[in-house]
PDB file of N, CA and C in Angstrom:
ATOM      1  N   MET A   1     -60.572 151.197 -96.051  1.00  0.00           N
ATOM      2  CA  MET A   1     -60.294 151.410 -97.445  1.00  0.00           C
ATOM      3  C   MET A   1     -61.596 151.594 -98.220  1.00  0.00           C
ATOM      4  N   THR A   2     -62.607 150.798 -97.885  1.00  0.00           N
ATOM      5  CA  THR A   2     -63.887 150.912 -98.577  1.00  0.00           C
ATOM      6  C   THR A   2     -64.478 152.302 -98.410  1.00  0.00           C
ATOM      7  N   LYS A   3     -64.399 152.841 -97.195  1.00  0.00           N
ATOM      8  CA  LYS A   3     -64.936 154.177 -96.945  1.00  0.00           C
ATOM      9  C   LYS A   3     -64.184 155.231 -97.754  1.00  0.00           C
ATOM     10  N   ALA A   4     -62.877 155.121 -97.852  1.00  0.00           N
ATOM     11  CA  ALA A   4     -62.085 156.077 -98.624  1.00  0.00           C
ATOM     12  C   ALA A   4     -62.427 156.009-100.111  1.00  0.00           C
ATOM     13  N   ILE A   5     -62.527 154.809-100.643  1.00  0.00           N
ATOM     14  CA  ILE A   5     -62.870 154.648-102.061  1.00  0.00           C
ATOM     15  C   ILE A   5     -64.279 155.173-102.316  1.00  0.00           C
ATOM     16  N   SER A   6     -65.189 154.900-101.401  1.00  0.00           N
ATOM     17  CA  SER A   6     -66.559 155.382-101.529  1.00  0.00           C
ATOM     18  C   SER A   6     -66.610 156.903-101.545  1.00  0.00           C
ATOM     19  N   THR A   7     -65.869 157.524-100.634  1.00  0.00           N
ATOM     20  CA  THR A   7     -65.835 158.982-100.552  1.00  0.00           C
ATOM     21  C   THR A   7     -65.280 159.600-101.837  1.00  0.00           C
ATOM     22  N   MET A   8     -64.272 158.967-102.410  1.00  0.00           N
ATOM     23  CA  MET A   8     -63.654 159.500-103.627  1.00  0.00           C
ATOM     24  C   MET A   8     -64.561 159.342-104.854  1.00  0.00           C
ATOM     25  N   ASN A   9     -65.494 158.389-104.824  1.00  0.00           N
ATOM     26  CA  ASN A   9     -66.302 158.087-106.004  1.00  0.00           C
ATOM     27  C   ASN A   9     -67.747 158.547-105.921  1.00  0.00           C
ATOM     28  N   VAL A  10     -68.190 159.038-104.773  1.00  0.00           N
ATOM     29  CA  VAL A  10     -69.583 159.417-104.617  1.00  0.00           C
ATOM     30  C   VAL A  10     -69.987 160.514-105.598  1.00  0.00           C
ATOM     31  N   SER A  11     -69.101 161.450-105.897  1.00  0.00           N
ATOM     32  CA  SER A  11     -69.423 162.544-106.817  1.00  0.00           C
ATOM     33  C   SER A  11     -69.635 162.046-108.249  1.00  0.00           C
ATOM     34  N   LYS A  12     -69.151 160.835-108.543  1.00  0.00           N
ATOM     35  CA  LYS A  12     -69.320 160.230-109.870  1.00  0.00           C
ATOM     36  C   LYS A  12     -70.565 159.351-109.938  1.00  0.00           C
ATOM     37  N   GLY A  13     -71.307 159.282-108.826  1.00  0.00           N
ATOM     38  CA  GLY A  13     -72.518 158.469-108.792  1.00  0.00           C
ATOM     39  C   GLY A  13     -72.259 156.997-108.530  1.00  0.00           C
ATOM     40  N   ASN A  14     -71.063 156.667-108.083  1.00  0.00           N
ATOM     41  CA  ASN A  14     -70.719 155.271-107.808  1.00  0.00           C
ATOM     42  C   ASN A  14     -70.880 154.967-106.323  1.00  0.00           C
ATOM     43  N   THR A  15     -71.387 153.802-106.034  1.00  0.00           N
ATOM     44  CA  THR A  15     -71.421 153.338-104.653  1.00  0.00           C
ATOM     45  C   THR A  15     -70.445 152.170-104.513  1.00  0.00           C
ATOM     46  N   ILE A  16     -69.857 152.059-103.356  1.00  0.00           N
ATOM     47  CA  ILE A  16     -68.857 151.028-103.094  1.00  0.00           C
ATOM     48  C   ILE A  16     -69.341 150.185-101.917  1.00  0.00           C
ATOM     49  N   ASN A  17     -69.284 148.877-102.070  1.00  0.00           N
ATOM     50  CA  ASN A  17     -69.674 147.964-101.004  1.00  0.00           C
ATOM     51  C   ASN A  17     -68.553 146.960-100.776  1.00  0.00           C
ATOM     52  N   ASN A  18     -68.560 146.370 -99.594  1.00  0.00           N
ATOM     53  CA  ASN A  18     -67.532 145.410 -99.238  1.00  0.00           C
ATOM     54  C   ASN A  18     -68.163 144.283 -98.429  1.00  0.00           C
ATOM     55  N   LEU A  19     -67.863 143.051 -98.793  1.00  0.00           N
ATOM     56  CA  LEU A  19     -68.303 141.891 -98.018  1.00  0.00           C
ATOM     57  C   LEU A  19     -67.082 141.269 -97.359  1.00  0.00           C
ATOM     58  N   ASN A  20     -67.112 141.161 -96.047  1.00  0.00           N
ATOM     59  CA  ASN A  20     -66.027 140.512 -95.314  1.00  0.00           C
ATOM     60  C   ASN A  20     -66.460 139.088 -94.975  1.00  0.00           C
ATOM     61  N   LEU A  21     -65.848 138.143 -95.620  1.00  0.00           N
ATOM     62  CA  LEU A  21     -66.239 136.749 -95.439  1.00  0.00           C
ATOM     63  C   LEU A  21     -65.513 136.146 -94.245  1.00  0.00           C
ATOM     64  N   GLY A  22     -66.191 135.264 -93.578  1.00  0.00           N
ATOM     65  CA  GLY A  22     -65.620 134.571 -92.433  1.00  0.00           C
ATOM     66  C   GLY A  22     -65.710 133.069 -92.636  1.00  0.00           C
ATOM     67  N   TYR A  23     -66.073 132.375 -91.589  1.00  0.00           N
ATOM     68  CA  TYR A  23     -66.192 130.913 -91.633  1.00  0.00           C
ATOM     69  C   TYR A  23     -67.578 130.518 -92.122  1.00  0.00           C
ATOM     70  N   PHE A  24     -67.622 129.468 -92.964  1.00  0.00           N
ATOM     71  CA  PHE A  24     -68.890 128.983 -93.499  1.00  0.00           C
ATOM     72  C   PHE A  24     -69.046 127.491 -93.251  1.00  0.00           C
ATOM     73  N   GLN A  25     -70.259 127.032 -93.395  1.00  0.00           N
ATOM     74  CA  GLN A  25     -70.619 125.648 -93.109  1.00  0.00           C
ATOM     75  C   GLN A  25     -70.173 124.676 -94.194  1.00  0.00           C
ATOM     76  N   ILE A  26     -69.384 125.140 -95.131  1.00  0.00           N
ATOM     77  CA  ILE A  26     -68.913 124.270 -96.215  1.00  0.00           C
ATOM     78  C   ILE A  26     -67.413 124.445 -96.399  1.00  0.00           C
ATOM     79  N   GLY A  27     -66.834 123.556 -97.161  1.00  0.00           N
ATOM     80  CA  GLY A  27     -65.433 123.707 -97.543  1.00  0.00           C
ATOM     81  C   GLY A  27     -64.471 123.145 -96.531  1.00  0.00           C
ATOM     82  N   MET A  28     -63.366 123.833 -96.382  1.00  0.00           N
ATOM     83  CA  MET A  28     -62.250 123.334 -95.579  1.00  0.00           C
ATOM     84  C   MET A  28     -62.556 123.258 -94.089  1.00  0.00           C
ATOM     85  N   ILE A  29     -63.613 123.896 -93.635  1.00  0.00           N
ATOM     86  CA  ILE A  29     -63.930 123.852 -92.204  1.00  0.00           C
ATOM     87  C   ILE A  29     -64.188 122.411 -91.754  1.00  0.00           C
ATOM     88  N   ASP A  30     -64.602 121.562 -92.682  1.00  0.00           N
ATOM     89  CA  ASP A  30     -64.835 120.147 -92.346  1.00  0.00           C
ATOM     90  C   ASP A  30     -63.559 119.444 -91.904  1.00  0.00           C
ATOM     91  N   GLN A  31     -62.409 119.983 -92.295  1.00  0.00           N
ATOM     92  CA  GLN A  31     -61.128 119.378 -91.939  1.00  0.00           C
ATOM     93  C   GLN A  31     -60.604 119.868 -90.586  1.00  0.00           C
ATOM     94  N   VAL A  32     -61.278 120.859 -90.022  1.00  0.00           N
ATOM     95  CA  VAL A  32     -60.873 121.402 -88.725  1.00  0.00           C
ATOM     96  C   VAL A  32     -61.495 120.542 -87.630  1.00  0.00           C
ATOM     97  N   PRO A  33     -60.726 120.130 -86.630  1.00  0.00           N
ATOM     98  CA  PRO A  33     -61.285 119.308 -85.547  1.00  0.00           C
ATOM     99  C   PRO A  33     -62.497 119.980 -84.891  1.00  0.00           C
ATOM    100  N   LEU A  34     -63.477 119.176 -84.522  1.00  0.00           N
ATOM    101  CA  LEU A  34     -64.727 119.674 -83.962  1.00  0.00           C
ATOM    102  C   LEU A  34     -64.503 120.562 -82.743  1.00  0.00           C
ATOM    103  N   GLU A  35     -63.561 120.206 -81.892  1.00  0.00           N
ATOM    104  CA  GLU A  35     -63.283 121.016 -80.698  1.00  0.00           C
ATOM    105  C   GLU A  35     -62.831 122.429 -81.085  1.00  0.00           C
ATOM    106  N   LEU A  36     -61.968 122.517 -82.091  1.00  0.00           N
ATOM    107  CA  LEU A  36     -61.511 123.826 -82.559  1.00  0.00           C
ATOM    108  C   LEU A  36     -62.652 124.585 -83.233  1.00  0.00           C
ATOM    109  N   GLN A  37     -63.495 123.885 -83.985  1.00  0.00           N
ATOM    110  CA  GLN A  37     -64.669 124.527 -84.590  1.00  0.00           C
ATOM    111  C   GLN A  37     -65.535 125.170 -83.503  1.00  0.00           C
ATOM    112  N   ASN A  38     -65.739 124.451 -82.420  1.00  0.00           N
ATOM    113  CA  ASN A  38     -66.565 124.978 -81.326  1.00  0.00           C
ATOM    114  C   ASN A  38     -65.919 126.207 -80.682  1.00  0.00           C
ATOM    115  N   GLN A  39     -64.598 126.218 -80.559  1.00  0.00           N
ATOM    116  CA  GLN A  39     -63.894 127.381 -80.007  1.00  0.00           C
ATOM    117  C   GLN A  39     -64.049 128.585 -80.938  1.00  0.00           C
ATOM    118  N   ILE A  40     -63.965 128.337 -82.231  1.00  0.00           N
ATOM    119  CA  ILE A  40     -64.136 129.418 -83.211  1.00  0.00           C
ATOM    120  C   ILE A  40     -65.551 129.980 -83.129  1.00  0.00           C
ATOM    121  N   LYS A  41     -66.532 129.092 -83.031  1.00  0.00           N
ATOM    122  CA  LYS A  41     -67.933 129.529 -82.977  1.00  0.00           C
ATOM    123  C   LYS A  41     -68.209 130.419 -81.771  1.00  0.00           C
ATOM    124  N   LEU A  42     -67.508 130.188 -80.673  1.00  0.00           N
ATOM    125  CA  LEU A  42     -67.702 131.009 -79.485  1.00  0.00           C
ATOM    126  C   LEU A  42     -67.276 132.469 -79.717  1.00  0.00           C
ATOM    127  N   LYS A  43     -66.407 132.694 -80.694  1.00  0.00           N
ATOM    128  CA  LYS A  43     -65.937 134.045 -80.990  1.00  0.00           C
ATOM    129  C   LYS A  43     -66.821 134.759 -82.014  1.00  0.00           C
ATOM    130  N   ILE A  44     -67.796 134.039 -82.565  1.00  0.00           N
ATOM    131  CA  ILE A  44     -68.722 134.596 -83.555  1.00  0.00           C
ATOM    132  C   ILE A  44     -69.991 135.018 -82.813  1.00  0.00           C
ATOM    133  N   PRO A  45     -70.484 136.240 -83.026  1.00  0.00           N
ATOM    134  CA  PRO A  45     -71.652 136.719 -82.268  1.00  0.00           C
ATOM    135  C   PRO A  45     -72.864 135.782 -82.282  1.00  0.00           C
ATOM    136  N   VAL A  46     -73.144 135.132 -83.420  1.00  0.00           N
ATOM    137  CA  VAL A  46     -74.296 134.217 -83.476  1.00  0.00           C
ATOM    138  C   VAL A  46     -73.911 132.780 -83.122  1.00  0.00           C
ATOM    139  N   HIS A  47     -72.643 132.567 -82.791  1.00  0.00           N
ATOM    140  CA  HIS A  47     -72.116 131.252 -82.375  1.00  0.00           C
ATOM    141  C   HIS A  47     -72.365 130.159 -83.405  1.00  0.00           C
ATOM    142  N   ASN A  48     -72.274 130.516 -84.679  1.00  0.00           N
ATOM    143  CA  ASN A  48     -72.450 129.533 -85.735  1.00  0.00           C
ATOM    144  C   ASN A  48     -71.713 130.003 -86.983  1.00  0.00           C
ATOM    145  N   PHE A  49     -71.374 129.061 -87.846  1.00  0.00           N
ATOM    146  CA  PHE A  49     -70.740 129.410 -89.109  1.00  0.00           C
ATOM    147  C   PHE A  49     -71.804 129.910 -90.081  1.00  0.00           C
ATOM    148  N   GLY A  50     -71.368 130.709 -91.042  1.00  0.00           N
ATOM    149  CA  GLY A  50     -72.290 131.277 -92.014  1.00  0.00           C
ATOM    150  C   GLY A  50     -72.845 130.246 -92.976  1.00  0.00           C
ATOM    151  N   ASN A  51     -73.979 130.588 -93.527  1.00  0.00           N
ATOM    152  CA  ASN A  51     -74.622 129.763 -94.544  1.00  0.00           C
ATOM    153  C   ASN A  51     -74.280 130.382 -95.902  1.00  0.00           C
ATOM    154  N   PRO A  52     -73.803 129.590 -96.861  1.00  0.00           N
ATOM    155  CA  PRO A  52     -73.420 130.148 -98.162  1.00  0.00           C
ATOM    156  C   PRO A  52     -74.549 130.932 -98.836  1.00  0.00           C
ATOM    157  N   SER A  53     -75.778 130.552 -98.611  1.00  0.00           N
ATOM    158  CA  SER A  53     -76.888 131.270 -99.239  1.00  0.00           C
ATOM    159  C   SER A  53     -76.984 132.705 -98.723  1.00  0.00           C
ATOM    160  N   ASP A  54     -76.481 132.973 -97.512  1.00  0.00           N
ATOM    161  CA  ASP A  54     -76.477 134.340 -96.990  1.00  0.00           C
ATOM    162  C   ASP A  54     -75.601 135.253 -97.851  1.00  0.00           C
ATOM    163  N   ILE A  55     -74.479 134.742 -98.324  1.00  0.00           N
ATOM    164  CA  ILE A  55     -73.602 135.528 -99.188  1.00  0.00           C
ATOM    165  C   ILE A  55     -74.267 135.768-100.534  1.00  0.00           C
ATOM    166  N   VAL A  56     -74.889 134.734-101.079  1.00  0.00           N
ATOM    167  CA  VAL A  56     -75.599 134.886-102.358  1.00  0.00           C
ATOM    168  C   VAL A  56     -76.686 135.946-102.221  1.00  0.00           C
ATOM    169  N   ASN A  57     -77.437 135.894-101.132  1.00  0.00           N
ATOM    170  CA  ASN A  57     -78.497 136.882-100.912  1.00  0.00           C
ATOM    171  C   ASN A  57     -77.932 138.290-100.772  1.00  0.00           C
ATOM    172  N   ALA A  58     -76.808 138.435-100.095  1.00  0.00           N
ATOM    173  CA  ALA A  58     -76.186 139.753 -99.932  1.00  0.00           C
ATOM    174  C   ALA A  58     -75.716 140.299-101.278  1.00  0.00           C
ATOM    175  N   ILE A  59     -75.108 139.451-102.077  1.00  0.00           N
ATOM    176  CA  ILE A  59     -74.630 139.883-103.402  1.00  0.00           C
ATOM    177  C   ILE A  59     -75.814 140.281-104.285  1.00  0.00           C
ATOM    178  N   ASN A  60     -76.870 139.489-104.264  1.00  0.00           N
ATOM    179  CA  ASN A  60     -78.066 139.827-105.044  1.00  0.00           C
ATOM    180  C   ASN A  60     -78.664 141.142-104.590  1.00  0.00           C
ATOM    181  N   PHE A  61     -78.688 141.395-103.277  1.00  0.00           N
ATOM    182  CA  PHE A  61     -79.218 142.643-102.758  1.00  0.00           C
ATOM    183  C   PHE A  61     -78.376 143.827-103.230  1.00  0.00           C
ATOM    184  N   LEU A  62     -77.055 143.692-103.152  1.00  0.00           N
ATOM    185  CA  LEU A  62     -76.170 144.778-103.562  1.00  0.00           C
ATOM    186  C   LEU A  62     -76.183 145.010-105.059  1.00  0.00           C
ATOM    187  N   ASP A  63     -76.485 143.978-105.814  1.00  0.00           N
ATOM    188  CA  ASP A  63     -76.481 144.056-107.278  1.00  0.00           C
ATOM    189  C   ASP A  63     -77.708 144.803-107.798  1.00  0.00           C
ATOM    190  N   ASN A  64     -78.754 144.884-106.987  1.00  0.00           N
ATOM    191  CA  ASN A  64     -79.992 145.542-107.453  1.00  0.00           C
ATOM    192  C   ASN A  64     -80.003 147.005-107.147  1.00  0.00           C
TER     193      ASN A  64
END
């Protein structure tokens, strides 16, 4: 969908970005049993949950 919206708006000088959020080291993940957390991490390429500051940095980068 992001690619389609981007294609439709490029002639107007607009750029379209999309952030797909996953699991992070804060919030409700603390309520998930540790064994299940470890199983989830195995499916993530870096084998770890995201750091909230990474999202802030991405948004700041896209905003500039």
